[in-house]
């Protein structure tokens, strides 16, 4: 049943465009960061593309985790495109 619902969601247009939601989340995070005198975060197009591809992969294959079924972490998947701190892996 879960896989059926995930597949159904893949064919439906999201109620909110992903970019609008992403920007809203970033605004909320940066508001919190500002309260603690931290620099604002910025959108990274390559990370955004990587995250969206992972989201599609999770929906298509019916899993929900930062680590994919092959055991790759976000840092490992991003390895060839980005330099990530060791703590991110």
N, C-alpha and C. Protein backbone atom coordinates (compact mmCIF):
# COMPACT_ATOMS: atom_id res chain seq x y z
N UNK A 1 0.82 -1.20 0.00
CA UNK A 1 0.00 0.00 0.00
C UNK A 1 0.86 1.27 0.00
N UNK A 2 1.95 1.25 0.77
CA UNK A 2 2.82 2.42 0.85
C UNK A 2 3.42 2.74 -0.51
N UNK A 3 3.89 1.72 -1.23
CA UNK A 3 4.46 1.96 -2.55
C UNK A 3 3.42 2.53 -3.50
N UNK A 4 2.18 2.05 -3.38
CA UNK A 4 1.10 2.57 -4.22
C UNK A 4 0.89 4.06 -3.96
N UNK A 5 0.89 4.46 -2.69
CA UNK A 5 0.69 5.87 -2.37
C UNK A 5 1.85 6.73 -2.87
N UNK A 6 3.07 6.21 -2.74
CA UNK A 6 4.22 6.94 -3.25
C UNK A 6 4.14 7.12 -4.76
N UNK A 7 3.75 6.06 -5.46
CA UNK A 7 3.61 6.15 -6.92
C UNK A 7 2.51 7.13 -7.30
N UNK A 8 1.43 7.11 -6.56
CA UNK A 8 0.34 8.04 -6.82
C UNK A 8 0.81 9.48 -6.68
N UNK A 9 1.59 9.74 -5.65
CA UNK A 9 2.12 11.09 -5.43
C UNK A 9 3.05 11.53 -6.55
N UNK A 10 3.77 10.59 -7.15
CA UNK A 10 4.68 10.93 -8.24
C UNK A 10 3.94 11.50 -9.44
N UNK A 11 2.72 11.05 -9.68
CA UNK A 11 1.97 11.48 -10.85
C UNK A 11 1.07 12.69 -10.59
N UNK A 12 1.02 13.13 -9.37
CA UNK A 12 0.20 14.29 -9.04
C UNK A 12 1.08 15.53 -8.93
N UNK A 13 0.54 16.64 -9.35
CA UNK A 13 1.25 17.89 -9.20
C UNK A 13 1.24 18.27 -7.73
N UNK A 14 2.40 18.65 -7.19
CA UNK A 14 2.43 19.02 -5.78
C UNK A 14 1.57 20.26 -5.51
N UNK A 15 0.95 20.34 -4.33
CA UNK A 15 0.11 21.50 -4.03
C UNK A 15 0.92 22.80 -3.93
N UNK A 16 2.20 22.67 -3.64
CA UNK A 16 3.09 23.83 -3.57
C UNK A 16 4.31 23.51 -4.43
N UNK A 17 4.72 24.47 -5.23
CA UNK A 17 5.92 24.26 -6.04
C UNK A 17 7.11 24.04 -5.11
N UNK A 18 7.96 23.07 -5.42
CA UNK A 18 9.11 22.78 -4.54
C UNK A 18 9.99 23.99 -4.26
N UNK A 19 10.23 24.82 -5.26
CA UNK A 19 11.09 25.99 -5.05
C UNK A 19 10.49 26.95 -4.04
N UNK A 20 9.19 27.11 -4.06
CA UNK A 20 8.53 28.00 -3.09
C UNK A 20 8.69 27.45 -1.69
N UNK A 21 8.47 26.15 -1.54
CA UNK A 21 8.62 25.51 -0.24
C UNK A 21 10.07 25.58 0.25
N UNK A 22 11.00 25.29 -0.64
CA UNK A 22 12.43 25.36 -0.27
C UNK A 22 12.81 26.75 0.19
N UNK A 23 12.36 27.76 -0.53
CA UNK A 23 12.69 29.14 -0.14
C UNK A 23 12.06 29.51 1.19
N UNK A 24 10.85 29.04 1.44
CA UNK A 24 10.18 29.33 2.72
C UNK A 24 10.92 28.68 3.89
N UNK A 25 11.34 27.43 3.70
CA UNK A 25 12.11 26.74 4.75
C UNK A 25 13.42 27.49 5.00
N UNK A 26 14.09 27.90 3.94
CA UNK A 26 15.33 28.64 4.08
C UNK A 26 15.10 29.95 4.84
N UNK A 27 14.02 30.64 4.52
CA UNK A 27 13.69 31.88 5.24
C UNK A 27 13.50 31.63 6.73
N UNK A 28 12.80 30.56 7.07
CA UNK A 28 12.56 30.23 8.48
C UNK A 28 13.86 29.87 9.20
N UNK A 29 14.69 29.09 8.52
CA UNK A 29 15.99 28.73 9.12
C UNK A 29 16.84 29.97 9.33
N UNK A 30 16.89 30.84 8.33
CA UNK A 30 17.71 32.04 8.46
C UNK A 30 17.16 33.01 9.51
N UNK A 31 15.87 33.03 9.72
CA UNK A 31 15.30 33.86 10.79
C UNK A 31 15.81 33.35 12.14
N UNK A 32 15.82 32.04 12.31
CA UNK A 32 16.35 31.45 13.56
C UNK A 32 17.84 31.74 13.70
N UNK A 33 18.58 31.61 12.62
CA UNK A 33 20.02 31.87 12.66
C UNK A 33 20.29 33.32 13.02
N UNK A 34 19.50 34.23 12.49
CA UNK A 34 19.68 35.66 12.79
C UNK A 34 19.49 35.94 14.27
N UNK A 35 18.56 35.25 14.91
CA UNK A 35 18.34 35.44 16.34
C UNK A 35 19.56 35.02 17.16
N UNK A 36 20.39 34.17 16.59
CA UNK A 36 21.59 33.70 17.27
C UNK A 36 22.86 34.33 16.68
N UNK A 37 22.65 35.39 15.92
CA UNK A 37 23.74 36.14 15.29
C UNK A 37 24.63 35.27 14.40
N UNK A 38 24.00 34.36 13.70
CA UNK A 38 24.71 33.50 12.74
C UNK A 38 24.45 34.01 11.33
N UNK A 39 25.41 33.79 10.45
CA UNK A 39 25.27 34.21 9.06
C UNK A 39 24.15 33.41 8.39
N UNK A 40 23.44 34.03 7.46
CA UNK A 40 22.38 33.31 6.75
C UNK A 40 22.96 32.24 5.82
N UNK A 41 22.20 31.20 5.63
CA UNK A 41 22.55 30.17 4.67
C UNK A 41 22.09 30.61 3.28
N UNK A 42 22.72 30.08 2.25
CA UNK A 42 22.34 30.40 0.88
C UNK A 42 22.04 29.10 0.14
N UNK A 43 21.19 29.21 -0.87
CA UNK A 43 20.86 28.07 -1.72
C UNK A 43 22.09 27.69 -2.54
N UNK A 44 22.36 26.40 -2.62
CA UNK A 44 23.42 25.88 -3.47
C UNK A 44 22.73 25.04 -4.55
N UNK A 45 22.80 25.49 -5.78
CA UNK A 45 22.07 24.84 -6.87
C UNK A 45 22.46 23.38 -7.04
N UNK A 46 23.74 23.05 -6.90
CA UNK A 46 24.17 21.67 -7.06
C UNK A 46 23.61 20.79 -5.94
N UNK A 47 23.63 21.29 -4.70
CA UNK A 47 23.06 20.52 -3.59
C UNK A 47 21.55 20.38 -3.75
N UNK A 48 20.91 21.42 -4.24
CA UNK A 48 19.47 21.36 -4.47
C UNK A 48 19.14 20.28 -5.49
N UNK A 49 19.88 20.25 -6.59
CA UNK A 49 19.66 19.22 -7.62
C UNK A 49 19.89 17.83 -7.04
N UNK A 50 20.94 17.68 -6.25
CA UNK A 50 21.25 16.39 -5.64
C UNK A 50 20.15 15.95 -4.68
N UNK A 51 19.66 16.87 -3.86
CA UNK A 51 18.59 16.55 -2.91
C UNK A 51 17.30 16.18 -3.63
N UNK A 52 16.98 16.90 -4.67
CA UNK A 52 15.76 16.58 -5.42
C UNK A 52 15.86 15.22 -6.09
N UNK A 53 17.04 14.90 -6.63
CA UNK A 53 17.23 13.59 -7.25
C UNK A 53 17.08 12.48 -6.21
N UNK A 54 17.60 12.71 -5.01
CA UNK A 54 17.46 11.72 -3.94
C UNK A 54 16.00 11.56 -3.53
N UNK A 55 15.27 12.66 -3.47
CA UNK A 55 13.84 12.60 -3.13
C UNK A 55 13.07 11.78 -4.17
N UNK A 56 13.37 12.02 -5.44
CA UNK A 56 12.72 11.23 -6.50
C UNK A 56 13.08 9.75 -6.39
N UNK A 57 14.34 9.49 -6.06
CA UNK A 57 14.79 8.10 -5.91
C UNK A 57 14.06 7.43 -4.75
N UNK A 58 13.91 8.12 -3.63
CA UNK A 58 13.19 7.55 -2.48
C UNK A 58 11.74 7.24 -2.86
N UNK A 59 11.10 8.16 -3.57
CA UNK A 59 9.70 7.95 -3.96
C UNK A 59 9.59 6.79 -4.94
N UNK A 60 10.49 6.74 -5.90
CA UNK A 60 10.43 5.71 -6.93
C UNK A 60 10.69 4.32 -6.35
N UNK A 61 11.64 4.23 -5.40
CA UNK A 61 12.02 2.91 -4.89
C UNK A 61 11.41 2.59 -3.52
N UNK A 62 10.61 3.51 -2.99
CA UNK A 62 9.88 3.22 -1.77
C UNK A 62 10.71 3.11 -0.51
N UNK A 63 11.69 4.00 -0.34
CA UNK A 63 12.43 4.04 0.92
C UNK A 63 12.48 5.49 1.41
N UNK A 64 12.80 5.66 2.68
CA UNK A 64 12.84 7.01 3.26
C UNK A 64 14.03 7.06 4.22
N UNK A 65 15.16 7.57 3.74
CA UNK A 65 16.37 7.59 4.55
C UNK A 65 17.38 8.52 3.88
N UNK A 66 18.30 9.05 4.67
CA UNK A 66 19.39 9.84 4.09
C UNK A 66 20.34 8.93 3.31
N UNK A 67 20.46 7.69 3.75
CA UNK A 67 21.33 6.71 3.10
C UNK A 67 20.49 5.89 2.13
N UNK A 68 20.95 5.77 0.88
CA UNK A 68 20.17 5.02 -0.10
C UNK A 68 20.37 3.52 0.09
N UNK A 69 19.59 2.68 -0.61
CA UNK A 69 19.70 1.23 -0.44
C UNK A 69 21.10 0.67 -0.75
N UNK A 70 21.88 1.40 -1.53
CA UNK A 70 23.24 0.97 -1.83
C UNK A 70 24.22 1.34 -0.71
N UNK A 71 23.72 2.03 0.32
CA UNK A 71 24.56 2.41 1.45
C UNK A 71 25.29 3.73 1.28
N UNK A 72 24.92 4.51 0.27
CA UNK A 72 25.59 5.78 0.02
C UNK A 72 24.96 6.89 0.86
N UNK A 73 25.81 7.63 1.58
CA UNK A 73 25.36 8.78 2.36
C UNK A 73 25.24 9.99 1.44
N UNK A 74 24.63 11.07 1.93
CA UNK A 74 24.57 12.28 1.10
C UNK A 74 25.96 12.75 0.68
N UNK A 75 26.92 12.70 1.58
CA UNK A 75 28.28 13.13 1.24
C UNK A 75 28.89 12.24 0.16
N UNK A 76 28.63 10.95 0.23
CA UNK A 76 29.16 10.04 -0.78
C UNK A 76 28.51 10.29 -2.14
N UNK A 77 27.19 10.53 -2.15
CA UNK A 77 26.51 10.80 -3.43
C UNK A 77 27.00 12.11 -4.04
N UNK A 78 27.34 13.06 -3.20
CA UNK A 78 27.77 14.38 -3.68
C UNK A 78 29.25 14.43 -3.98
N UNK A 79 29.98 13.40 -3.61
CA UNK A 79 31.43 13.40 -3.68
C UNK A 79 32.05 13.92 -4.95
N UNK A 80 31.51 13.56 -6.10
CA UNK A 80 32.16 13.99 -7.34
C UNK A 80 31.84 15.43 -7.73
N UNK A 81 30.79 16.00 -7.12
CA UNK A 81 30.39 17.37 -7.47
C UNK A 81 30.85 18.41 -6.47
N UNK A 82 30.90 18.00 -5.21
CA UNK A 82 31.12 18.96 -4.15
C UNK A 82 32.20 18.51 -3.19
N UNK A 83 32.74 19.44 -2.48
CA UNK A 83 33.63 19.12 -1.37
C UNK A 83 32.82 19.38 -0.12
N UNK A 84 32.56 18.30 0.64
CA UNK A 84 31.75 18.41 1.86
C UNK A 84 32.64 18.14 3.07
N UNK A 85 32.34 18.80 4.20
CA UNK A 85 33.09 18.51 5.42
C UNK A 85 32.91 17.05 5.84
N UNK A 86 33.91 16.49 6.47
CA UNK A 86 33.86 15.09 6.90
C UNK A 86 32.66 14.82 7.80
N UNK A 87 32.25 15.81 8.61
CA UNK A 87 31.13 15.63 9.53
C UNK A 87 29.82 15.41 8.79
N UNK A 88 29.72 15.82 7.53
CA UNK A 88 28.48 15.68 6.78
C UNK A 88 28.23 14.23 6.39
N UNK A 89 29.25 13.38 6.39
CA UNK A 89 29.10 12.01 5.94
C UNK A 89 28.58 11.15 7.02
